[in-house]
Protein backbone atom coordinates (compact mmCIF):
# COMPACT_ATOMS: atom_id res chain seq x y z
CA UNK A 1 0.00 0.00 0.00
CA UNK A 2 2.85 2.40 0.82
CA UNK A 3 4.35 2.06 -2.66
CA UNK A 4 0.99 2.82 -4.29
CA UNK A 5 0.43 5.76 -1.94
CA UNK A 6 3.82 7.25 -2.84
CA UNK A 7 3.06 6.79 -6.53
CA UNK A 8 -0.34 8.43 -6.01
CA UNK A 9 1.31 11.33 -4.18
CA UNK A 10 3.78 11.91 -7.02
CA UNK A 11 1.26 11.47 -9.84
CA UNK A 12 -1.35 13.60 -8.08
CA UNK A 13 1.16 16.36 -7.44
CA UNK A 14 2.31 16.36 -11.07
CA UNK A 15 -1.24 16.70 -12.35
CA UNK A 16 -2.59 19.13 -9.73
CA UNK A 17 0.36 21.51 -9.79
CA UNK A 18 -0.02 21.76 -13.58
CA UNK A 19 -3.57 23.20 -13.42
CA UNK A 20 -2.46 26.80 -13.99
CA UNK A 21 -5.71 28.75 -13.76
CA UNK A 22 -6.73 27.28 -10.43
CA UNK A 23 -3.27 27.81 -8.94
CA UNK A 24 -3.12 31.40 -10.19
CA UNK A 25 -6.54 32.07 -8.64
CA UNK A 26 -5.57 30.50 -5.27
CA UNK A 27 -2.32 32.46 -5.16
CA UNK A 28 -4.12 35.70 -6.02
CA UNK A 29 -6.71 35.15 -3.28
CA UNK A 30 -3.94 34.34 -0.83
CA UNK A 31 -1.98 37.48 -1.68
CA UNK A 32 -5.09 39.62 -1.32
CA UNK A 33 -6.08 37.81 1.90
CA UNK A 34 -9.56 37.05 0.62
CA UNK A 35 -10.52 33.99 2.68
CA UNK A 36 -7.39 32.12 1.49
CA UNK A 37 -7.77 29.13 3.81
CA UNK A 38 -11.38 28.71 2.74
CA UNK A 39 -10.26 28.85 -0.91
CA UNK A 40 -7.60 26.18 -0.26
CA UNK A 41 -10.15 24.01 1.56
CA UNK A 42 -12.66 24.27 -1.31
CA UNK A 43 -10.05 23.48 -3.99
CA UNK A 44 -8.58 20.52 -2.14
CA UNK A 45 -12.05 19.33 -1.08
CA UNK A 46 -13.21 19.34 -4.70
CA UNK A 47 -10.09 17.42 -5.71
CA UNK A 48 -10.63 14.83 -2.97
CA UNK A 49 -14.24 14.35 -4.08
CA UNK A 50 -13.32 14.11 -7.77
CA UNK A 51 -10.46 11.67 -7.09
CA UNK A 52 -12.86 9.53 -5.04
CA UNK A 53 -15.40 9.59 -7.89
CA UNK A 54 -12.65 8.54 -10.30
CA UNK A 55 -11.80 5.69 -7.96
CA UNK A 56 -15.44 4.61 -8.04
CA UNK A 57 -15.32 4.35 -11.86
CA UNK A 58 -16.88 7.66 -12.96
CA UNK A 59 -13.89 8.49 -15.22
CA UNK A 60 -14.96 6.47 -18.29
CA UNK A 61 -18.50 7.85 -18.03
CA UNK A 62 -17.32 11.49 -18.07
CA UNK A 63 -14.76 10.87 -20.82
CA UNK A 64 -17.54 9.52 -23.04
CA UNK A 65 -19.72 12.64 -22.80
CA UNK A 66 -18.28 14.77 -25.62
CA UNK A 67 -21.10 17.37 -25.59
CA UNK A 68 -20.84 17.88 -21.83
CA UNK A 69 -17.06 18.25 -22.05
CA UNK A 70 -17.39 20.76 -24.90
CA UNK A 71 -19.90 22.88 -22.96
CA UNK A 72 -17.64 22.78 -19.91
CA UNK A 73 -14.68 23.80 -22.10
CA UNK A 74 -16.51 26.87 -23.48
CA UNK A 75 -17.94 27.87 -20.12
CA UNK A 76 -14.59 27.42 -18.43
CA UNK A 77 -12.78 29.47 -21.08
CA UNK A 78 -15.34 32.29 -20.80
CA UNK A 79 -14.98 32.38 -17.01
CA UNK A 80 -11.17 32.36 -17.19
CA UNK A 81 -11.17 35.21 -19.71
CA UNK A 82 -13.50 37.19 -17.44
CA UNK A 83 -11.12 36.61 -14.49
CA UNK A 84 -8.15 37.56 -16.70
CA UNK A 85 -9.87 40.85 -17.55
CA UNK A 86 -10.20 41.63 -13.84
CA UNK A 87 -6.54 40.78 -13.24
CA UNK A 88 -5.37 43.02 -16.09
CA UNK A 89 -7.65 45.85 -14.94
CA UNK A 90 -6.07 45.62 -11.45
CA UNK A 91 -2.62 45.66 -13.08
CA UNK A 92 -3.45 48.84 -15.01
CA UNK A 93 -5.28 50.77 -12.25
CA UNK A 94 -2.85 51.80 -9.48
CA UNK A 95 -5.53 52.39 -6.85
CA UNK A 96 -6.47 48.71 -6.93
CA UNK A 97 -2.94 47.46 -6.34
CA UNK A 98 -2.73 46.78 -2.62
CA UNK A 99 -2.44 43.60 -0.60
CA UNK A 100 -5.41 44.70 1.48
CA UNK A 101 -7.73 45.01 -1.52
CA UNK A 102 -11.41 45.62 -0.88
CA UNK A 103 -12.59 42.37 0.64
CA UNK A 104 -15.02 40.32 -1.38
CA UNK A 105 -17.95 38.76 0.43
CA UNK A 106 -17.49 35.17 1.53
CA UNK A 107 -20.29 34.10 -0.85
CA UNK A 108 -18.52 35.69 -3.83
CA UNK A 109 -15.21 34.06 -2.87
CA UNK A 110 -16.90 30.66 -2.60
CA UNK A 111 -18.71 31.11 -5.91
CA UNK A 112 -15.56 32.22 -7.74
CA UNK A 113 -13.53 29.36 -6.24
CA UNK A 114 -16.10 26.77 -7.24
CA UNK A 115 -16.31 28.28 -10.72
CA UNK A 116 -12.55 28.34 -11.35
CA UNK A 117 -12.34 24.76 -10.05
CA UNK A 118 -15.41 23.10 -11.53
CA UNK A 119 -15.68 24.96 -14.86
CA UNK A 120 -12.24 23.75 -15.91
CA UNK A 121 -12.62 20.48 -17.84
CA UNK A 122 -8.92 19.75 -17.27
CA UNK A 123 -9.72 19.26 -13.58
CA UNK A 124 -12.08 16.39 -14.46
CA UNK A 125 -9.66 14.87 -16.95
CA UNK A 126 -6.81 14.96 -14.44
CA UNK A 127 -8.57 13.96 -11.22
CA UNK A 128 -11.44 11.74 -12.33
CA UNK A 129 -10.27 10.25 -15.63
CA UNK A 130 -6.46 10.11 -15.38
CA UNK A 131 -6.06 9.42 -11.66
CA UNK A 132 -9.07 7.09 -11.75
CA UNK A 133 -7.58 5.06 -14.59
CA UNK A 134 -4.02 4.98 -13.22
CA UNK A 135 -5.21 4.10 -9.72
CA UNK A 136 -7.37 1.24 -10.97
CA UNK A 137 -4.30 -0.72 -12.12
CA UNK A 138 -2.22 -0.21 -8.96
CA UNK A 139 -1.40 -2.96 -6.49
CA UNK A 140 -3.34 -0.90 -3.94
CA UNK A 141 -5.84 1.42 -5.67
CA UNK A 142 -6.97 2.79 -2.30
CA UNK A 143 -3.39 3.67 -1.37
CA UNK A 144 -2.90 5.41 -4.73
CA UNK A 145 -6.07 7.48 -4.36
CA UNK A 146 -5.19 8.45 -0.78
CA UNK A 147 -1.72 9.54 -1.92
CA UNK A 148 -3.23 11.68 -4.69
CA UNK A 149 -5.66 13.26 -2.21
CA UNK A 150 -2.80 14.10 0.17
CA UNK A 151 -0.92 15.72 -2.74
CA UNK A 152 -3.87 18.05 -3.34
CA UNK A 153 -4.23 18.96 0.33
CA UNK A 154 -0.50 19.66 0.70
CA UNK A 155 -0.31 21.70 -2.50
CA UNK A 156 -3.22 24.08 -1.96
CA UNK A 157 -2.53 24.75 1.70
CA UNK A 158 1.19 25.24 0.98
CA UNK A 159 0.28 27.67 -1.82
CA UNK A 160 -1.88 29.70 0.56
CA UNK A 161 0.74 29.57 3.33
CA UNK A 162 3.40 30.85 0.90
CA UNK A 163 1.06 33.63 -0.22
CA UNK A 164 0.53 34.68 3.38
CA UNK A 165 4.30 34.87 3.88
CA UNK A 166 4.76 36.80 0.63
CA UNK A 167 1.91 39.31 1.09
CA UNK A 168 3.67 41.79 3.43
CA UNK A 169 6.76 41.62 1.22
CA UNK A 170 4.75 42.54 -1.87
CA UNK A 171 3.24 45.85 -0.81
CA UNK A 172 4.73 47.96 -3.62
CA UNK A 173 2.26 48.73 -6.46
CA UNK A 174 4.84 47.85 -9.14
CA UNK A 175 5.10 44.32 -7.76
CA UNK A 176 1.32 43.97 -7.81
CA UNK A 177 1.26 45.11 -11.43
CA UNK A 178 3.60 42.24 -12.30
CA UNK A 179 1.66 39.69 -10.21
CA UNK A 180 -1.71 40.66 -11.68
CA UNK A 181 -0.22 40.78 -15.16
CA UNK A 182 1.18 37.27 -14.73
CA UNK A 183 -2.10 35.96 -13.30
CA UNK A 184 -4.02 37.51 -16.19
CA UNK A 185 -1.59 36.04 -18.71
CA UNK A 186 -1.80 32.54 -17.20
CA UNK A 187 -5.58 32.69 -17.25
CA UNK A 188 -5.62 33.77 -20.92
CA UNK A 189 -3.18 31.02 -21.90
CA UNK A 190 -5.24 28.37 -20.10
CA UNK A 191 -8.44 29.69 -21.69
CA UNK A 192 -6.76 29.50 -25.08
CA UNK A 193 -5.81 25.87 -24.44
CA UNK A 194 -9.38 25.08 -23.46
CA UNK A 195 -10.78 26.68 -26.60
CA UNK A 196 -8.18 24.93 -28.72
CA UNK A 197 -9.30 21.56 -27.39
């Protein structure tokens, strides 16, 4: 079981860390101190649920729904482009470039986090389909899935913890311009990949 768990940890980390839009969003929320621990909990909780569903065999079912995946791709790309527009607007408007930005309501933070997580079809392909399929052929599928879940928990909470450490060191508006510009660029690139199939 330990060998499968370690393989799940490594595979899960490789797939989860590569989901750029979600990571950019989590880092941005952490830097702005907008319920960052709640954001990390939602992202990792969604991953844990999706990995569990993949382990229960939902992966092949989702992979076979081409229309559903296409709708999710378009909706996800539209949402990411909308978020990118906000990031670029913050980068271009000096008054919005502070670590203590106007706090969003908890409901808006939750809604945005769920949207950036669940409207990205890559999340389903990585967690449900890929991890579900790889885990199914392991010596200990349960160990593999648990390892992948731990990878998600460690990654998102570490990302938020690093953002909390970085926030007071990033108070200069020029730094925020770069951060928001990078976040906006990552979101546009990911949206482009979604639209390109």
